[in-house]
Protein backbone atom coordinates (compact mmCIF):
# COMPACT_ATOMS: atom_id res chain seq x y z
CA UNK A 1 71.48 109.58 91.93
CA UNK A 2 70.57 107.58 88.87
CA UNK A 3 71.78 103.99 88.94
CA UNK A 4 75.11 103.99 87.10
CA UNK A 5 74.32 100.70 85.35
CA UNK A 6 71.14 102.12 83.87
CA UNK A 7 73.17 104.27 81.46
CA UNK A 8 74.95 101.23 80.02
CA UNK A 9 73.46 98.90 77.49
CA UNK A 10 73.10 95.23 78.41
CA UNK A 11 75.81 94.50 75.84
CA UNK A 12 78.35 96.67 77.70
CA UNK A 13 77.37 95.16 81.06
CA UNK A 14 77.80 91.62 79.71
CA UNK A 15 81.14 92.60 78.18
CA UNK A 16 82.35 93.94 81.54
CA UNK A 17 81.19 90.76 83.30
CA UNK A 18 83.04 88.63 80.74
CA UNK A 19 86.23 90.69 81.03
CA UNK A 20 86.03 90.47 84.84
CA UNK A 21 85.59 86.70 84.68
CA UNK A 22 88.55 86.30 82.32
CA UNK A 23 90.83 88.47 84.48
CA UNK A 24 90.08 86.74 87.77
CA UNK A 25 90.27 83.33 86.10
CA UNK A 26 93.69 84.18 84.69
CA UNK A 27 94.95 85.32 88.09
CA UNK A 28 93.49 82.28 89.86
CA UNK A 29 94.86 79.68 87.45
CA UNK A 30 98.28 81.29 87.00
CA UNK A 31 98.91 81.86 90.71
CA UNK A 32 97.72 78.37 91.63
CA UNK A 33 100.07 76.86 89.05
CA UNK A 34 103.02 79.05 90.01
CA UNK A 35 102.39 78.28 93.68
CA UNK A 36 102.43 74.53 92.95
CA UNK A 37 105.64 74.87 90.92
CA UNK A 38 107.36 76.89 93.66
CA UNK A 39 106.34 74.38 96.34
CA UNK A 40 107.44 71.44 94.16
CA UNK A 41 110.78 72.93 93.10
CA UNK A 42 111.62 75.34 95.94
CA UNK A 43 114.99 76.35 94.51
CA UNK A 44 113.11 78.30 91.81
CA UNK A 45 115.06 76.68 88.97
CA UNK A 46 111.96 75.57 87.04
CA UNK A 47 110.81 79.18 86.77
CA UNK A 48 114.39 80.48 86.50
CA UNK A 49 114.13 82.36 89.80
CA UNK A 50 117.56 82.55 91.42
CA UNK A 51 117.63 81.96 95.17
CA UNK A 52 119.79 85.08 95.47
CA UNK A 53 116.69 87.27 95.11
CA UNK A 54 115.60 85.94 98.51
CA UNK A 55 118.85 86.91 100.27
CA UNK A 56 117.36 89.89 102.14
CA UNK A 57 113.99 88.26 102.74
CA UNK A 58 112.93 86.00 105.61
CA UNK A 59 112.77 82.99 103.24
CA UNK A 60 115.55 80.51 102.49
CA UNK A 61 113.76 79.05 99.46
CA UNK A 62 110.51 79.45 97.50
CA UNK A 63 108.49 76.75 99.28
CA UNK A 64 106.69 79.04 101.77
CA UNK A 65 106.19 81.90 99.28
CA UNK A 66 104.76 79.32 96.85
CA UNK A 67 102.40 78.03 99.53
CA UNK A 68 101.27 81.55 100.44
CA UNK A 69 100.80 82.42 96.77
CA UNK A 70 98.75 79.26 96.26
CA UNK A 71 96.55 79.74 99.33
CA UNK A 72 96.15 83.51 99.57
CA UNK A 73 96.21 84.75 95.99
CA UNK A 74 95.13 81.65 94.10
CA UNK A 75 92.65 80.47 96.72
CA UNK A 76 90.74 83.72 97.08
CA UNK A 77 90.69 84.29 93.33
CA UNK A 78 89.40 80.77 92.62
CA UNK A 79 86.58 81.48 95.09
CA UNK A 80 85.91 84.70 93.17
CA UNK A 81 85.79 82.68 89.92
CA UNK A 82 83.29 80.29 91.50
CA UNK A 83 81.03 83.09 92.74
CA UNK A 84 81.15 84.71 89.31
CA UNK A 85 80.26 81.41 87.64
CA UNK A 86 77.14 81.00 89.76
CA UNK A 87 76.30 84.74 89.53
CA UNK A 88 76.12 85.09 93.29
CA UNK A 89 75.36 88.50 94.75
CA UNK A 90 78.77 88.49 96.47
CA UNK A 91 80.72 87.92 93.23
CA UNK A 92 81.99 91.49 92.91
CA UNK A 93 83.04 91.61 96.57
CA UNK A 94 85.07 88.42 96.09
CA UNK A 95 86.62 89.82 92.91
CA UNK A 96 87.61 92.98 94.80
CA UNK A 97 89.00 90.93 97.70
CA UNK A 98 91.06 88.82 95.32
CA UNK A 99 92.41 91.85 93.52
CA UNK A 100 93.32 93.60 96.79
CA UNK A 101 95.30 90.49 97.75
CA UNK A 102 97.04 90.53 94.34
CA UNK A 103 97.96 94.18 94.82
CA UNK A 104 99.19 93.58 98.37
CA UNK A 105 101.18 90.55 97.20
CA UNK A 106 102.88 92.60 94.48
CA UNK A 107 103.69 95.47 96.84
CA UNK A 108 104.92 93.14 99.61
CA UNK A 109 107.12 91.31 97.15
CA UNK A 110 108.53 94.61 95.93
CA UNK A 111 109.38 95.78 99.46
CA UNK A 112 110.76 92.43 100.63
CA UNK A 113 112.91 91.77 97.58
CA UNK A 114 113.68 95.43 96.89
CA UNK A 115 113.36 94.71 93.19
CA UNK A 116 110.56 94.77 90.67
CA UNK A 117 109.72 92.45 87.83
CA UNK A 118 107.61 93.24 84.78
CA UNK A 119 105.23 90.42 85.70
CA UNK A 120 104.58 92.05 89.08
CA UNK A 121 103.60 95.31 87.40
CA UNK A 122 101.31 93.30 85.11
CA UNK A 123 99.56 91.68 88.07
CA UNK A 124 99.33 95.06 89.81
CA UNK A 125 97.62 96.46 86.70
CA UNK A 126 95.24 93.47 86.60
CA UNK A 127 94.35 93.97 90.26
CA UNK A 128 93.54 97.64 89.76
CA UNK A 129 91.53 96.83 86.63
CA UNK A 130 89.49 94.21 88.48
CA UNK A 131 88.66 96.67 91.25
CA UNK A 132 87.53 99.30 88.75
CA UNK A 133 85.40 96.87 86.75
CA UNK A 134 83.87 95.33 89.89
CA UNK A 135 82.98 98.71 91.33
CA UNK A 136 81.45 99.71 88.00
CA UNK A 137 79.34 96.55 87.93
CA UNK A 138 78.29 97.13 91.55
CA UNK A 139 77.02 100.51 90.41
CA UNK A 140 79.68 102.51 92.23
CA UNK A 141 81.93 104.12 89.71
CA UNK A 142 85.38 105.20 90.92
CA UNK A 143 86.19 107.16 87.80
């Protein structure tokens, strides 16, 4: 099978790399910041999250979810940003790992809270997009 990247021009490949970098950077920075805010103000008031959305979850406030968001989602995605910055061979694997965690976070949140927010659907879309772009850049098209 012909290498999938051989059919793309270098301009398209660089565009995909740039888009991938922007997406994982956005996820990393936003989830790190939101995690810090939730740990700092665990009643959710700064982000206008009512504590009532946690009533059927195992959490009494947003401190632990903020910590998990910071470490799991933000941490893995900031590592993916780093590996993309240095153009390491593992950069696409880290991007995929980070996006899988984003997708799992969104789905877990949906099932725990039994409600969905527009922002969660946005992050779910970003996670799927990152997987598709990373697989394309690895030379393994899913579409």
